[in-house]
Amino acid sequence: MLRRILVTVLLLAAAGGGLAWYVVVRNPVVEQVREAVKDSTLSGALDVDLTLRGLDLTHGEQGRAQWRLTAKAAQYLQDSGTVKVDNPSVVYYFEKGGGNMTVAASQGLVLQDRKQARLWPDVEGRYQDNVLRAGELFYNGTSESLTLADGVYLQGDQFACNATRMRVDLKTNEIVADQGVSAVLYLGDRLGGPSAGQSAGPSTGQSGKRP
């Protein structure tokens, strides 16, 4: 029977800010566990996971932050090289204009080597006064885009839109709904729109660009 080693690392916020991800994964204790897994005399006899609590992970390239992930807890899965997170909240930064979109869900999975992530099953996002809901969200770091699926709903002050799939381009600030789209625009004194989750009317358009 496989012997399971579970290493718990408490990430405590320092006065100047939280500990970065690279500090955690290069912690001597973690390195010793990883070396034990690589040891041919132990591999196959160990199932090694790493549990992190109070995770705060920021990723960026060329001096620009692309996203920041916080979660109550996370588990590094040795076999797949992925990080499973509980109650994640992610801030995705738009390349233009300095804006951002905040997204939260009950569960998440981060494949940092592939620059990919998945959130589910009750995804809720906010950008300025716009509300976004979906059953799943997929992040692609190569294209810097978010793909939402499974009952997507987007509401702003003057519109509401339902779709089976919607894509957010973090480079161009564009939101494009391209499957199962129904949308309605509100004019005059109906700027408030329907309550979140209410079905929209016939489609009047499929894409919108955020300022």
Protein backbone atom coordinates (compact mmCIF):
# COMPACT_ATOMS: atom_id res chain seq x y z
CA MET A 1 0.00 0.00 0.00
CA LEU A 2 1.36 3.36 -0.95
CA ARG A 3 2.60 5.50 1.89
CA ARG A 4 1.37 9.06 1.57
CA ILE A 5 3.46 12.01 2.70
CA LEU A 6 1.47 15.19 3.22
CA VAL A 7 3.48 18.32 3.81
CA THR A 8 1.58 21.34 5.04
CA VAL A 9 3.13 24.75 4.60
CA LEU A 10 1.55 27.76 6.26
CA LEU A 11 1.97 30.92 4.22
CA LEU A 12 2.01 33.76 6.71
CA ALA A 13 1.69 37.35 5.50
CA ALA A 14 4.75 39.38 6.40
CA ALA A 15 4.58 43.07 7.25
CA GLY A 16 5.59 43.98 3.74
CA GLY A 17 3.26 41.55 1.96
CA GLY A 18 2.53 37.84 1.43
CA LEU A 19 5.11 35.26 0.51
CA ALA A 20 5.55 34.72 -3.23
CA TRP A 21 4.97 31.36 -4.92
CA TYR A 22 8.62 30.87 -5.86
CA VAL A 23 9.55 31.12 -2.18
CA VAL A 24 7.19 28.25 -1.38
CA VAL A 25 8.19 25.86 -4.14
CA ARG A 26 11.88 26.37 -3.38
CA ASN A 27 11.41 25.85 0.34
CA PRO A 28 14.07 23.34 1.55
CA VAL A 29 11.41 21.03 3.01
CA VAL A 30 9.59 20.90 -0.33
CA GLU A 31 12.83 20.26 -2.18
CA GLN A 32 13.67 17.36 0.12
CA VAL A 33 10.28 15.80 -0.55
CA ARG A 34 10.73 16.20 -4.31
CA GLU A 35 14.19 14.67 -4.16
CA ALA A 36 12.75 11.71 -2.27
CA VAL A 37 10.26 11.19 -5.07
CA LYS A 38 13.05 11.23 -7.66
CA ASP A 39 15.03 8.63 -5.71
CA SER A 40 14.61 5.38 -7.62
CA THR A 41 14.52 3.42 -4.36
CA LEU A 42 11.52 5.41 -3.18
CA SER A 43 9.63 6.24 -6.36
CA GLY A 44 6.69 3.90 -6.65
CA ALA A 45 6.58 3.56 -2.86
CA LEU A 46 5.53 7.15 -2.20
CA ASP A 47 2.59 9.29 -3.21
CA VAL A 48 3.73 12.81 -2.44
CA ASP A 49 1.48 15.85 -2.36
CA LEU A 50 2.07 19.35 -1.06
CA THR A 51 -0.71 21.28 0.64
CA LEU A 52 -0.51 25.07 0.85
CA ARG A 53 -2.76 27.30 2.97
CA GLY A 54 -3.36 30.98 2.38
CA LEU A 55 -2.03 30.90 -1.19
CA ASP A 56 -1.16 34.21 -2.88
CA LEU A 57 0.31 33.70 -6.36
CA THR A 58 1.15 36.44 -8.88
CA HIS A 59 2.29 35.82 -12.46
CA GLY A 60 3.67 38.29 -14.97
CA GLU A 61 5.97 38.65 -17.93
CA GLN A 62 8.24 41.47 -19.14
CA GLY A 63 7.56 43.52 -16.02
CA ARG A 64 3.75 43.43 -16.38
CA ALA A 65 1.46 41.50 -14.04
CA GLN A 66 -0.93 39.22 -15.94
CA TRP A 67 -2.90 37.75 -13.05
CA ARG A 68 -2.99 37.35 -9.30
CA LEU A 69 -4.54 34.31 -7.61
CA THR A 70 -5.52 34.07 -3.97
CA ALA A 71 -7.10 30.99 -2.38
CA LYS A 72 -7.92 29.64 1.06
CA ALA A 73 -5.98 26.47 0.35
CA ALA A 74 -4.16 24.74 -2.49
CA GLN A 75 -2.73 21.30 -3.14
CA TYR A 76 0.24 20.56 -5.39
CA LEU A 77 -0.44 17.25 -7.17
CA GLN A 78 2.90 15.56 -7.82
CA ASP A 79 1.75 13.14 -10.52
CA SER A 80 0.17 15.75 -12.77
CA GLY A 81 2.28 18.76 -11.78
CA THR A 82 -0.85 20.83 -11.22
CA VAL A 83 -2.12 22.98 -8.36
CA LYS A 84 -5.69 22.45 -7.16
CA VAL A 85 -7.12 25.47 -5.33
CA ASP A 86 -10.13 25.92 -3.04
CA ASN A 87 -12.29 29.06 -3.25
CA PRO A 88 -9.96 30.83 -5.68
CA SER A 89 -10.24 34.50 -6.53
CA VAL A 90 -8.28 35.69 -9.56
CA VAL A 91 -7.58 39.20 -10.81
CA TYR A 92 -6.85 39.19 -14.56
CA TYR A 93 -5.17 42.35 -15.86
CA PHE A 94 -6.03 43.84 -19.26
CA GLU A 95 -3.03 44.76 -21.39
CA LYS A 96 -4.58 48.05 -22.50
CA GLY A 97 -5.92 50.78 -20.23
CA GLY A 98 -4.73 49.29 -16.95
CA GLY A 99 -8.12 47.73 -16.08
CA ASN A 100 -8.76 44.32 -14.60
CA MET A 101 -11.44 41.67 -14.17
CA THR A 102 -11.95 39.82 -10.89
CA VAL A 103 -13.21 36.23 -11.07
CA ALA A 104 -14.11 33.85 -8.23
CA ALA A 105 -15.32 30.24 -7.99
CA SER A 106 -15.50 27.30 -5.59
CA GLN A 107 -12.78 25.23 -7.26
CA GLY A 108 -9.81 25.81 -9.52
CA LEU A 109 -6.93 24.04 -11.22
CA VAL A 110 -3.68 25.73 -12.29
CA LEU A 111 -1.30 24.24 -14.86
CA GLN A 112 1.42 26.85 -14.62
CA ASP A 113 3.88 25.07 -16.95
CA ARG A 114 1.22 25.19 -19.68
CA LYS A 115 0.04 28.69 -18.71
CA GLN A 116 -3.49 27.39 -18.25
CA ALA A 117 -6.12 27.43 -15.51
CA ARG A 118 -9.69 26.26 -15.01
CA LEU A 119 -12.31 27.56 -12.54
CA TRP A 120 -15.67 25.92 -11.79
CA PRO A 121 -18.59 25.37 -11.06
CA ASP A 122 -20.05 28.71 -9.94
CA VAL A 123 -17.88 31.28 -11.68
CA GLU A 124 -18.67 34.93 -11.03
CA GLY A 125 -16.70 37.83 -12.50
CA ARG A 126 -16.84 41.61 -12.30
CA TYR A 127 -15.42 44.30 -14.54
CA GLN A 128 -16.33 47.84 -13.46
CA ASP A 129 -20.16 47.72 -13.26
CA ASN A 130 -20.51 44.59 -15.40
CA VAL A 131 -21.40 41.21 -13.87
CA LEU A 132 -20.37 37.93 -15.48
CA ARG A 133 -21.51 34.42 -14.49
CA ALA A 134 -20.74 30.97 -15.93
CA GLY A 135 -20.37 27.31 -15.03
CA GLU A 136 -16.73 27.11 -16.15
CA LEU A 137 -13.85 29.41 -17.00
CA PHE A 138 -10.70 28.46 -18.90
CA TYR A 139 -7.61 30.71 -18.91
CA ASN A 140 -5.05 30.50 -21.73
CA GLY A 141 -1.89 32.39 -20.87
CA THR A 142 -0.41 31.97 -24.35
CA SER A 143 -3.24 33.92 -26.00
CA GLU A 144 -4.06 35.85 -22.79
CA SER A 145 -7.74 35.02 -23.03
CA LEU A 146 -10.59 33.71 -20.90
CA THR A 147 -13.17 31.31 -22.31
CA LEU A 148 -16.41 30.96 -20.36
CA ALA A 149 -18.90 28.14 -20.90
CA ASP A 150 -21.95 26.42 -19.41
CA GLY A 151 -24.69 29.02 -19.01
CA VAL A 152 -22.79 32.27 -19.54
CA TYR A 153 -24.53 35.48 -18.46
CA LEU A 154 -23.20 39.04 -18.86
CA GLN A 155 -25.02 42.12 -17.60
CA GLY A 156 -24.11 45.80 -17.80
CA ASP A 157 -26.05 49.01 -17.16
CA GLN A 158 -27.53 49.08 -20.66
CA PHE A 159 -27.51 45.46 -21.82
CA ALA A 160 -27.87 41.81 -20.83
CA CYS A 161 -26.58 38.81 -22.72
CA ASN A 162 -26.88 35.02 -22.45
CA ALA A 163 -24.60 32.61 -24.34
CA THR A 164 -23.31 29.06 -24.23
CA ARG A 165 -19.75 30.33 -24.83
CA MET A 166 -18.05 33.70 -24.39
CA ARG A 167 -14.44 34.77 -24.84
CA VAL A 168 -12.62 37.64 -23.11
CA ASP A 169 -9.48 38.86 -24.87
CA LEU A 170 -7.18 40.40 -22.26
CA LYS A 171 -4.96 41.93 -24.96
CA THR A 172 -7.63 43.81 -26.93
CA ASN A 173 -10.23 44.30 -24.13
CA GLU A 174 -12.86 42.57 -26.29
CA ILE A 175 -15.67 40.31 -25.08
CA VAL A 176 -17.10 38.08 -27.81
CA ALA A 177 -20.11 35.75 -27.44
CA ASP A 178 -20.21 33.33 -30.37
CA GLN A 179 -22.51 30.45 -29.43
CA GLY A 180 -26.17 30.36 -28.39
CA VAL A 181 -26.32 34.13 -28.07
CA SER A 182 -29.38 36.07 -26.94
CA ALA A 183 -29.03 39.71 -25.94
CA VAL A 184 -31.07 42.84 -25.28
CA LEU A 185 -30.18 46.55 -25.13
CA TYR A 186 -32.01 48.87 -22.74
CA LEU A 187 -32.90 52.41 -23.83
CA GLY A 188 -34.47 55.41 -22.15
CA ASP A 189 -35.40 54.89 -18.51
CA ARG A 190 -34.71 51.11 -18.57
CA LEU A 191 -30.99 51.44 -17.94
CA GLY A 192 -31.17 49.21 -14.88
CA GLY A 193 -31.90 46.09 -16.93
CA PRO A 194 -33.14 42.79 -15.48
CA SER A 195 -31.91 41.20 -12.30
CA ALA A 196 -28.79 39.06 -12.70
CA GLY A 197 -29.62 35.67 -14.15
CA GLN A 198 -32.86 36.72 -15.89
CA SER A 199 -33.07 35.56 -19.49
CA ALA A 200 -32.28 38.14 -22.16
CA GLY A 201 -34.31 38.73 -25.30
CA PRO A 202 -33.47 38.18 -28.98
CA SER A 203 -29.90 38.72 -30.10
CA THR A 204 -28.96 42.22 -31.25
CA GLY A 205 -25.20 41.72 -31.36
CA GLN A 206 -22.43 39.33 -30.44
CA SER A 207 -19.44 41.29 -29.32
CA GLY A 208 -18.48 44.28 -27.27
CA LYS A 209 -15.27 46.14 -26.52
CA ARG A 210 -14.52 47.31 -23.01
CA PRO A 211 -13.08 50.84 -22.70
